[in-house]
Amino acid sequence: MTSTLQQEILRKLTSVCELSPNVRLGQIMSHLDFLSQDTFGLGLGDIEDDQLLRVLERHEAELLRRHSNVA
């Protein structure tokens, strides 16, 4: 069974993908790994789920800022 936190992570990942329609999933994951290392000093495989959610929220916020600057 998927936890509530994991469900939220999946929702955020979906949002990030929708905000980046021309970016491959592997590229998104690579960027999330970079952000994870920048934020926590650890790669995606070493962080906790709550930290992953924070990384996704950071990336989503960056993408939303870019989209608002374009519009």
N, C-alpha and C. Protein backbone atom coordinates (compact mmCIF):
# COMPACT_ATOMS: atom_id res chain seq x y z
N MET A 1 0.84 -1.18 0.00
CA MET A 1 0.00 0.00 0.00
C MET A 1 0.89 1.25 0.00
N THR A 2 0.50 2.21 -0.80
CA THR A 2 1.26 3.44 -0.93
C THR A 2 0.86 4.41 0.19
N SER A 3 1.86 4.95 0.86
CA SER A 3 1.58 5.88 1.95
C SER A 3 1.07 7.21 1.40
N THR A 4 0.48 7.99 2.28
CA THR A 4 -0.01 9.32 1.90
C THR A 4 1.14 10.18 1.38
N LEU A 5 2.29 10.10 2.03
CA LEU A 5 3.46 10.86 1.61
C LEU A 5 3.90 10.44 0.21
N GLN A 6 3.94 9.16 -0.03
CA GLN A 6 4.33 8.68 -1.36
C GLN A 6 3.31 9.11 -2.43
N GLN A 7 2.04 9.13 -2.08
CA GLN A 7 1.02 9.60 -3.01
C GLN A 7 1.24 11.07 -3.34
N GLU A 8 1.60 11.86 -2.35
CA GLU A 8 1.88 13.28 -2.58
C GLU A 8 3.11 13.45 -3.46
N ILE A 9 4.13 12.63 -3.24
CA ILE A 9 5.33 12.66 -4.08
C ILE A 9 4.96 12.36 -5.52
N LEU A 10 4.13 11.36 -5.74
CA LEU A 10 3.71 11.01 -7.10
C LEU A 10 2.90 12.14 -7.74
N ARG A 11 2.07 12.82 -6.97
CA ARG A 11 1.31 13.97 -7.50
C ARG A 11 2.25 15.09 -7.91
N LYS A 12 3.25 15.36 -7.07
CA LYS A 12 4.22 16.42 -7.39
C LYS A 12 5.03 16.05 -8.62
N LEU A 13 5.43 14.80 -8.73
CA LEU A 13 6.19 14.35 -9.90
C LEU A 13 5.34 14.51 -11.16
N THR A 14 4.06 14.19 -11.07
CA THR A 14 3.15 14.38 -12.20
C THR A 14 3.08 15.86 -12.58
N SER A 15 2.98 16.72 -11.59
CA SER A 15 2.93 18.16 -11.83
C SER A 15 4.21 18.64 -12.52
N VAL A 16 5.36 18.19 -12.03
CA VAL A 16 6.64 18.56 -12.64
C VAL A 16 6.69 18.09 -14.09
N CYS A 17 6.23 16.89 -14.35
CA CYS A 17 6.21 16.37 -15.72
C CYS A 17 5.29 17.20 -16.61
N GLU A 18 4.15 17.59 -16.09
CA GLU A 18 3.20 18.39 -16.87
C GLU A 18 3.76 19.79 -17.15
N LEU A 19 4.55 20.32 -16.24
CA LEU A 19 5.17 21.63 -16.44
C LEU A 19 6.39 21.56 -17.35
N SER A 20 6.83 20.35 -17.68
CA SER A 20 8.02 20.12 -18.51
C SER A 20 7.71 19.14 -19.63
N PRO A 21 6.76 19.47 -20.50
CA PRO A 21 6.30 18.48 -21.48
C PRO A 21 7.37 18.03 -22.48
N ASN A 22 8.39 18.83 -22.69
CA ASN A 22 9.43 18.48 -23.67
C ASN A 22 10.68 17.88 -23.03
N VAL A 23 10.58 17.55 -21.75
CA VAL A 23 11.72 17.01 -21.03
C VAL A 23 11.45 15.53 -20.72
N ARG A 24 12.42 14.69 -21.03
CA ARG A 24 12.27 13.26 -20.76
C ARG A 24 12.30 12.99 -19.26
N LEU A 25 11.63 11.93 -18.85
CA LEU A 25 11.58 11.58 -17.43
C LEU A 25 12.98 11.38 -16.84
N GLY A 26 13.86 10.76 -17.61
CA GLY A 26 15.23 10.56 -17.13
C GLY A 26 15.94 11.88 -16.86
N GLN A 27 15.67 12.87 -17.69
CA GLN A 27 16.25 14.20 -17.48
C GLN A 27 15.70 14.83 -16.20
N ILE A 28 14.40 14.67 -15.98
CA ILE A 28 13.79 15.21 -14.76
C ILE A 28 14.41 14.54 -13.55
N MET A 29 14.54 13.21 -13.59
CA MET A 29 15.12 12.49 -12.45
C MET A 29 16.56 12.93 -12.22
N SER A 30 17.31 13.14 -13.28
CA SER A 30 18.69 13.59 -13.15
C SER A 30 18.74 14.96 -12.49
N HIS A 31 17.82 15.84 -12.87
CA HIS A 31 17.78 17.17 -12.26
C HIS A 31 17.37 17.08 -10.79
N LEU A 32 16.42 16.20 -10.50
CA LEU A 32 16.01 16.02 -9.11
C LEU A 32 17.18 15.51 -8.27
N ASP A 33 18.00 14.63 -8.84
CA ASP A 33 19.18 14.14 -8.14
C ASP A 33 20.14 15.29 -7.86
N PHE A 34 20.33 16.16 -8.85
CA PHE A 34 21.18 17.34 -8.66
C PHE A 34 20.64 18.22 -7.54
N LEU A 35 19.33 18.48 -7.56
CA LEU A 35 18.72 19.31 -6.52
C LEU A 35 18.82 18.65 -5.14
N SER A 36 18.69 17.33 -5.11
CA SER A 36 18.82 16.59 -3.85
C SER A 36 20.23 16.76 -3.28
N GLN A 37 21.22 16.63 -4.14
CA GLN A 37 22.60 16.79 -3.69
C GLN A 37 22.86 18.22 -3.25
N ASP A 38 22.29 19.20 -3.98
CA ASP A 38 22.46 20.60 -3.63
C ASP A 38 21.79 20.93 -2.30
N THR A 39 20.62 20.36 -2.08
CA THR A 39 19.83 20.67 -0.88
C THR A 39 20.30 19.89 0.35
N PHE A 40 20.56 18.60 0.18
CA PHE A 40 20.84 17.73 1.33
C PHE A 40 22.24 17.12 1.32
N GLY A 41 22.98 17.31 0.24
CA GLY A 41 24.30 16.69 0.15
C GLY A 41 24.23 15.20 -0.10
N LEU A 42 23.05 14.71 -0.52
CA LEU A 42 22.84 13.28 -0.78
C LEU A 42 22.08 13.11 -2.09
N GLY A 43 22.33 12.01 -2.78
CA GLY A 43 21.60 11.70 -4.00
C GLY A 43 20.21 11.18 -3.70
N LEU A 44 19.41 11.04 -4.74
CA LEU A 44 18.03 10.58 -4.59
C LEU A 44 17.92 9.25 -3.85
N GLY A 45 18.85 8.36 -4.07
CA GLY A 45 18.78 7.05 -3.44
C GLY A 45 19.05 7.06 -1.95
N ASP A 46 19.52 8.18 -1.44
CA ASP A 46 19.92 8.26 -0.03
C ASP A 46 19.04 9.16 0.82
N ILE A 47 18.08 9.85 0.20
CA ILE A 47 17.24 10.76 0.99
C ILE A 47 15.95 10.07 1.41
N GLU A 48 15.33 10.64 2.42
CA GLU A 48 14.04 10.14 2.92
C GLU A 48 12.92 10.69 2.04
N ASP A 49 11.76 10.08 2.12
CA ASP A 49 10.63 10.50 1.29
C ASP A 49 10.23 11.95 1.56
N ASP A 50 10.26 12.40 2.81
CA ASP A 50 9.90 13.79 3.09
C ASP A 50 10.89 14.75 2.45
N GLN A 51 12.15 14.35 2.35
CA GLN A 51 13.15 15.17 1.69
C GLN A 51 12.90 15.18 0.17
N LEU A 52 12.53 14.05 -0.38
CA LEU A 52 12.22 13.99 -1.81
C LEU A 52 11.05 14.92 -2.13
N LEU A 53 10.06 14.95 -1.27
CA LEU A 53 8.93 15.85 -1.49
C LEU A 53 9.41 17.30 -1.50
N ARG A 54 10.31 17.65 -0.61
CA ARG A 54 10.85 19.02 -0.59
C ARG A 54 11.61 19.34 -1.87
N VAL A 55 12.36 18.38 -2.39
CA VAL A 55 13.09 18.57 -3.64
C VAL A 55 12.10 18.79 -4.78
N LEU A 56 11.06 17.97 -4.83
CA LEU A 56 10.04 18.13 -5.87
C LEU A 56 9.33 19.47 -5.76
N GLU A 57 9.02 19.88 -4.55
CA GLU A 57 8.37 21.18 -4.35
C GLU A 57 9.28 22.31 -4.82
N ARG A 58 10.56 22.21 -4.57
CA ARG A 58 11.52 23.22 -5.02
C ARG A 58 11.53 23.29 -6.54
N HIS A 59 11.60 22.14 -7.18
CA HIS A 59 11.64 22.12 -8.64
C HIS A 59 10.33 22.62 -9.23
N GLU A 60 9.22 22.21 -8.65
CA GLU A 60 7.91 22.67 -9.13
C GLU A 60 7.82 24.19 -9.03
N ALA A 61 8.29 24.76 -7.93
CA ALA A 61 8.26 26.22 -7.74
C ALA A 61 9.12 26.91 -8.79
N GLU A 62 10.28 26.35 -9.10
CA GLU A 62 11.14 26.92 -10.15
C GLU A 62 10.42 26.93 -11.49
N LEU A 63 9.78 25.82 -11.81
CA LEU A 63 9.07 25.71 -13.08
C LEU A 63 7.89 26.68 -13.14
N LEU A 64 7.15 26.81 -12.06
CA LEU A 64 6.02 27.74 -12.02
C LEU A 64 6.49 29.18 -12.19
N ARG A 65 7.63 29.53 -11.60
CA ARG A 65 8.19 30.88 -11.78
C ARG A 65 8.54 31.11 -13.24
N ARG A 66 9.16 30.13 -13.86
CA ARG A 66 9.52 30.26 -15.29
C ARG A 66 8.29 30.46 -16.14
N HIS A 67 7.26 29.68 -15.87
CA HIS A 67 6.03 29.77 -16.66
C HIS A 67 5.35 31.12 -16.45
N SER A 68 5.41 31.67 -15.25
CA SER A 68 4.77 32.97 -15.00
C SER A 68 5.57 34.10 -15.64
N ASN A 69 6.88 33.93 -15.78
CA ASN A 69 7.71 34.95 -16.44
C ASN A 69 7.51 34.93 -17.95
N VAL A 70 7.14 33.79 -18.50
CA VAL A 70 6.93 33.66 -19.95
C VAL A 70 5.58 34.24 -20.34
N ALA A 71 4.60 34.03 -19.49
CA ALA A 71 3.22 34.44 -19.82
C ALA A 71 3.04 35.94 -19.77
